Amino acid sequence: GTTAGMLIADAIGIYIGVVAGKRLPERLIKWVSALIFIAFGYIGLYTTVPTEYLTLPYGIAALGITALAIAMIARKRS
């Protein structure tokens, strides 16, 4: 039953992916997936970094480094 359920769920996901891939621009999909990946990275850092490092200056520095990396990658690809 579990295997059949996973196969059905995978088939639905693949079908939706194919349909969405035809209607949505590839660049948008890449940017959204990259931002989700970055968000999960920040959540992982937040849950594992000691609380004395969770301060505003460190947060601003992390966001600045991330923004700089995104800008450099976007400039390189354009």
N, C-alpha and C. Protein backbone atom coordinates (compact mmCIF):
# COMPACT_ATOMS: atom_id res chain seq x y z
N GLY A 1 0.82 -1.19 0.00
CA GLY A 1 0.00 0.00 0.00
C GLY A 1 0.86 1.26 0.00
N THR A 2 1.94 1.23 0.81
CA THR A 2 2.81 2.40 0.89
C THR A 2 3.50 2.66 -0.43
N THR A 3 3.98 1.61 -1.06
CA THR A 3 4.66 1.76 -2.35
C THR A 3 3.70 2.29 -3.41
N ALA A 4 2.50 1.77 -3.44
CA ALA A 4 1.52 2.25 -4.42
C ALA A 4 1.18 3.72 -4.17
N GLY A 5 1.05 4.09 -2.91
CA GLY A 5 0.77 5.49 -2.57
C GLY A 5 1.90 6.41 -3.01
N MET A 6 3.14 5.98 -2.81
CA MET A 6 4.28 6.79 -3.24
C MET A 6 4.34 6.90 -4.77
N LEU A 7 4.05 5.82 -5.46
CA LEU A 7 4.05 5.86 -6.93
C LEU A 7 2.98 6.82 -7.45
N ILE A 8 1.81 6.79 -6.84
CA ILE A 8 0.73 7.70 -7.26
C ILE A 8 1.12 9.14 -6.98
N ALA A 9 1.66 9.39 -5.79
CA ALA A 9 2.07 10.75 -5.44
C ALA A 9 3.18 11.24 -6.37
N ASP A 10 4.13 10.39 -6.68
CA ASP A 10 5.21 10.77 -7.60
C ASP A 10 4.66 11.05 -9.00
N ALA A 11 3.74 10.25 -9.47
CA ALA A 11 3.15 10.46 -10.79
C ALA A 11 2.42 11.80 -10.85
N ILE A 12 1.69 12.12 -9.79
CA ILE A 12 0.99 13.41 -9.74
C ILE A 12 1.99 14.55 -9.74
N GLY A 13 3.05 14.42 -8.95
CA GLY A 13 4.08 15.46 -8.89
C GLY A 13 4.77 15.66 -10.22
N ILE A 14 5.07 14.58 -10.91
CA ILE A 14 5.71 14.68 -12.22
C ILE A 14 4.77 15.34 -13.22
N TYR A 15 3.51 14.96 -13.21
CA TYR A 15 2.54 15.57 -14.13
C TYR A 15 2.41 17.07 -13.87
N ILE A 16 2.28 17.46 -12.62
CA ILE A 16 2.17 18.88 -12.28
C ILE A 16 3.45 19.62 -12.68
N GLY A 17 4.60 19.00 -12.47
CA GLY A 17 5.87 19.61 -12.86
C GLY A 17 5.97 19.83 -14.36
N VAL A 18 5.52 18.88 -15.13
CA VAL A 18 5.57 19.01 -16.59
C VAL A 18 4.63 20.13 -17.05
N VAL A 19 3.42 20.16 -16.50
CA VAL A 19 2.46 21.20 -16.88
C VAL A 19 2.97 22.57 -16.46
N ALA A 20 3.45 22.68 -15.22
CA ALA A 20 3.97 23.97 -14.73
C ALA A 20 5.21 24.38 -15.50
N GLY A 21 6.04 23.44 -15.89
CA GLY A 21 7.25 23.74 -16.64
C GLY A 21 6.96 24.34 -18.00
N LYS A 22 5.82 24.00 -18.57
CA LYS A 22 5.45 24.56 -19.86
C LYS A 22 4.89 25.98 -19.73
N ARG A 23 4.35 26.31 -18.57
CA ARG A 23 3.68 27.60 -18.41
C ARG A 23 4.49 28.63 -17.63
N LEU A 24 5.43 28.19 -16.83
CA LEU A 24 6.24 29.11 -16.03
C LEU A 24 7.63 29.24 -16.63
N PRO A 25 8.19 30.44 -16.58
CA PRO A 25 9.55 30.60 -17.10
C PRO A 25 10.57 29.87 -16.23
N GLU A 26 11.55 29.27 -16.89
CA GLU A 26 12.56 28.49 -16.18
C GLU A 26 13.35 29.34 -15.19
N ARG A 27 13.63 30.58 -15.58
CA ARG A 27 14.39 31.48 -14.71
C ARG A 27 13.65 31.74 -13.39
N LEU A 28 12.33 31.92 -13.46
CA LEU A 28 11.53 32.13 -12.25
C LEU A 28 11.60 30.91 -11.34
N ILE A 29 11.48 29.74 -11.92
CA ILE A 29 11.53 28.51 -11.13
C ILE A 29 12.89 28.38 -10.43
N LYS A 30 13.96 28.71 -11.15
CA LYS A 30 15.31 28.62 -10.55
C LYS A 30 15.46 29.60 -9.39
N TRP A 31 14.99 30.84 -9.57
CA TRP A 31 15.12 31.83 -8.50
C TRP A 31 14.29 31.47 -7.28
N VAL A 32 13.07 31.01 -7.49
CA VAL A 32 12.23 30.63 -6.36
C VAL A 32 12.83 29.45 -5.61
N SER A 33 13.30 28.45 -6.34
CA SER A 33 13.91 27.29 -5.67
C SER A 33 15.19 27.69 -4.94
N ALA A 34 15.97 28.60 -5.52
CA ALA A 34 17.19 29.06 -4.84
C ALA A 34 16.86 29.80 -3.55
N LEU A 35 15.83 30.65 -3.59
CA LEU A 35 15.45 31.39 -2.38
C LEU A 35 14.91 30.46 -1.30
N ILE A 36 14.18 29.43 -1.70
CA ILE A 36 13.70 28.45 -0.72
C ILE A 36 14.89 27.71 -0.11
N PHE A 37 15.86 27.34 -0.92
CA PHE A 37 17.06 26.66 -0.44
C PHE A 37 17.81 27.55 0.56
N ILE A 38 17.94 28.84 0.24
CA ILE A 38 18.61 29.78 1.15
C ILE A 38 17.83 29.90 2.45
N ALA A 39 16.51 29.96 2.36
CA ALA A 39 15.68 30.06 3.57
C ALA A 39 15.89 28.85 4.47
N PHE A 40 15.91 27.66 3.89
CA PHE A 40 16.16 26.46 4.70
C PHE A 40 17.56 26.49 5.31
N GLY A 41 18.52 27.04 4.59
CA GLY A 41 19.87 27.18 5.14
C GLY A 41 19.88 28.09 6.36
N TYR A 42 19.18 29.22 6.26
CA TYR A 42 19.10 30.14 7.40
C TYR A 42 18.36 29.51 8.58
N ILE A 43 17.31 28.75 8.29
CA ILE A 43 16.59 28.06 9.37
C ILE A 43 17.51 27.05 10.05
N GLY A 44 18.28 26.32 9.25
CA GLY A 44 19.23 25.37 9.82
C GLY A 44 20.28 26.05 10.67
N LEU A 45 20.78 27.19 10.20
CA LEU A 45 21.75 27.94 11.01
C LEU A 45 21.12 28.44 12.30
N TYR A 46 19.91 28.95 12.20
CA TYR A 46 19.23 29.49 13.38
C TYR A 46 19.03 28.43 14.45
N THR A 47 18.75 27.20 14.03
CA THR A 47 18.49 26.15 15.01
C THR A 47 19.76 25.52 15.58
N THR A 48 20.93 25.74 14.93
CA THR A 48 22.14 25.09 15.40
C THR A 48 23.19 26.04 15.97
N VAL A 49 23.14 27.31 15.59
CA VAL A 49 24.15 28.26 16.07
C VAL A 49 23.85 28.63 17.51
N PRO A 50 24.86 28.73 18.37
CA PRO A 50 24.64 29.15 19.76
C PRO A 50 23.97 30.53 19.82
N THR A 51 23.17 30.73 20.84
CA THR A 51 22.36 31.95 20.95
C THR A 51 23.20 33.22 21.08
N GLU A 52 24.42 33.13 21.59
CA GLU A 52 25.23 34.35 21.72
C GLU A 52 25.65 34.91 20.36
N TYR A 53 25.55 34.11 19.30
CA TYR A 53 25.87 34.59 17.96
C TYR A 53 24.64 35.07 17.19
N LEU A 54 23.46 34.89 17.77
CA LEU A 54 22.23 35.32 17.11
C LEU A 54 21.93 36.76 17.51
N THR A 55 22.75 37.67 17.01
CA THR A 55 22.57 39.08 17.30
C THR A 55 22.33 39.84 16.00
N LEU A 56 21.89 41.08 16.13
CA LEU A 56 21.59 41.89 14.95
C LEU A 56 22.80 42.10 14.04
N PRO A 57 23.99 42.44 14.58
CA PRO A 57 25.13 42.62 13.67
C PRO A 57 25.49 41.35 12.88
N TYR A 58 25.45 40.20 13.53
CA TYR A 58 25.74 38.95 12.82
C TYR A 58 24.66 38.66 11.77
N GLY A 59 23.42 38.94 12.10
CA GLY A 59 22.32 38.72 11.17
C GLY A 59 22.45 39.61 9.95
N ILE A 60 22.78 40.88 10.18
CA ILE A 60 22.96 41.81 9.07
C ILE A 60 24.14 41.38 8.21
N ALA A 61 25.22 40.95 8.85
CA ALA A 61 26.38 40.49 8.10
C ALA A 61 26.04 39.26 7.25
N ALA A 62 25.29 38.32 7.81
CA ALA A 62 24.91 37.12 7.06
C ALA A 62 24.02 37.48 5.87
N LEU A 63 23.06 38.37 6.09
CA LEU A 63 22.19 38.80 4.99
C LEU A 63 22.98 39.57 3.93
N GLY A 64 23.93 40.38 4.37
CA GLY A 64 24.76 41.13 3.42
C GLY A 64 25.61 40.22 2.56
N ILE A 65 26.22 39.22 3.19
CA ILE A 65 27.04 38.27 2.44
C ILE A 65 26.17 37.49 1.46
N THR A 66 24.99 37.10 1.89
CA THR A 66 24.08 36.38 1.01
C THR A 66 23.66 37.26 -0.17
N ALA A 67 23.29 38.51 0.12
CA ALA A 67 22.89 39.42 -0.95
C ALA A 67 24.03 39.67 -1.93
N LEU A 68 25.24 39.81 -1.41
CA LEU A 68 26.41 40.01 -2.28
C LEU A 68 26.63 38.79 -3.17
N ALA A 69 26.52 37.61 -2.61
CA ALA A 69 26.70 36.38 -3.40
C ALA A 69 25.63 36.27 -4.48
N ILE A 70 24.39 36.60 -4.13
CA ILE A 70 23.30 36.54 -5.12
C ILE A 70 23.56 37.55 -6.24
N ALA A 71 23.98 38.75 -5.87
CA ALA A 71 24.25 39.79 -6.88
C ALA A 71 25.38 39.37 -7.80
N MET A 72 26.42 38.79 -7.23
CA MET A 72 27.55 38.35 -8.06
C MET A 72 27.14 37.24 -9.02
N ILE A 73 26.35 36.31 -8.55
CA ILE A 73 25.90 35.21 -9.40
C ILE A 73 24.96 35.74 -10.48
N ALA A 74 24.05 36.64 -10.11
CA ALA A 74 23.12 37.20 -11.10
C ALA A 74 23.87 38.00 -12.16
N ARG A 75 24.87 38.75 -11.77
CA ARG A 75 25.65 39.54 -12.72
C ARG A 75 26.44 38.64 -13.66
N LYS A 76 27.00 37.57 -13.11
CA LYS A 76 27.79 36.66 -13.93
C LYS A 76 26.93 35.96 -14.99
N ARG A 77 25.71 35.65 -14.66
CA ARG A 77 24.83 34.93 -15.58
C ARG A 77 24.21 35.84 -16.62
N SER A 78 24.17 37.14 -16.37
CA SER A 78 23.53 38.06 -17.33
C SER A 78 24.42 38.39 -18.49
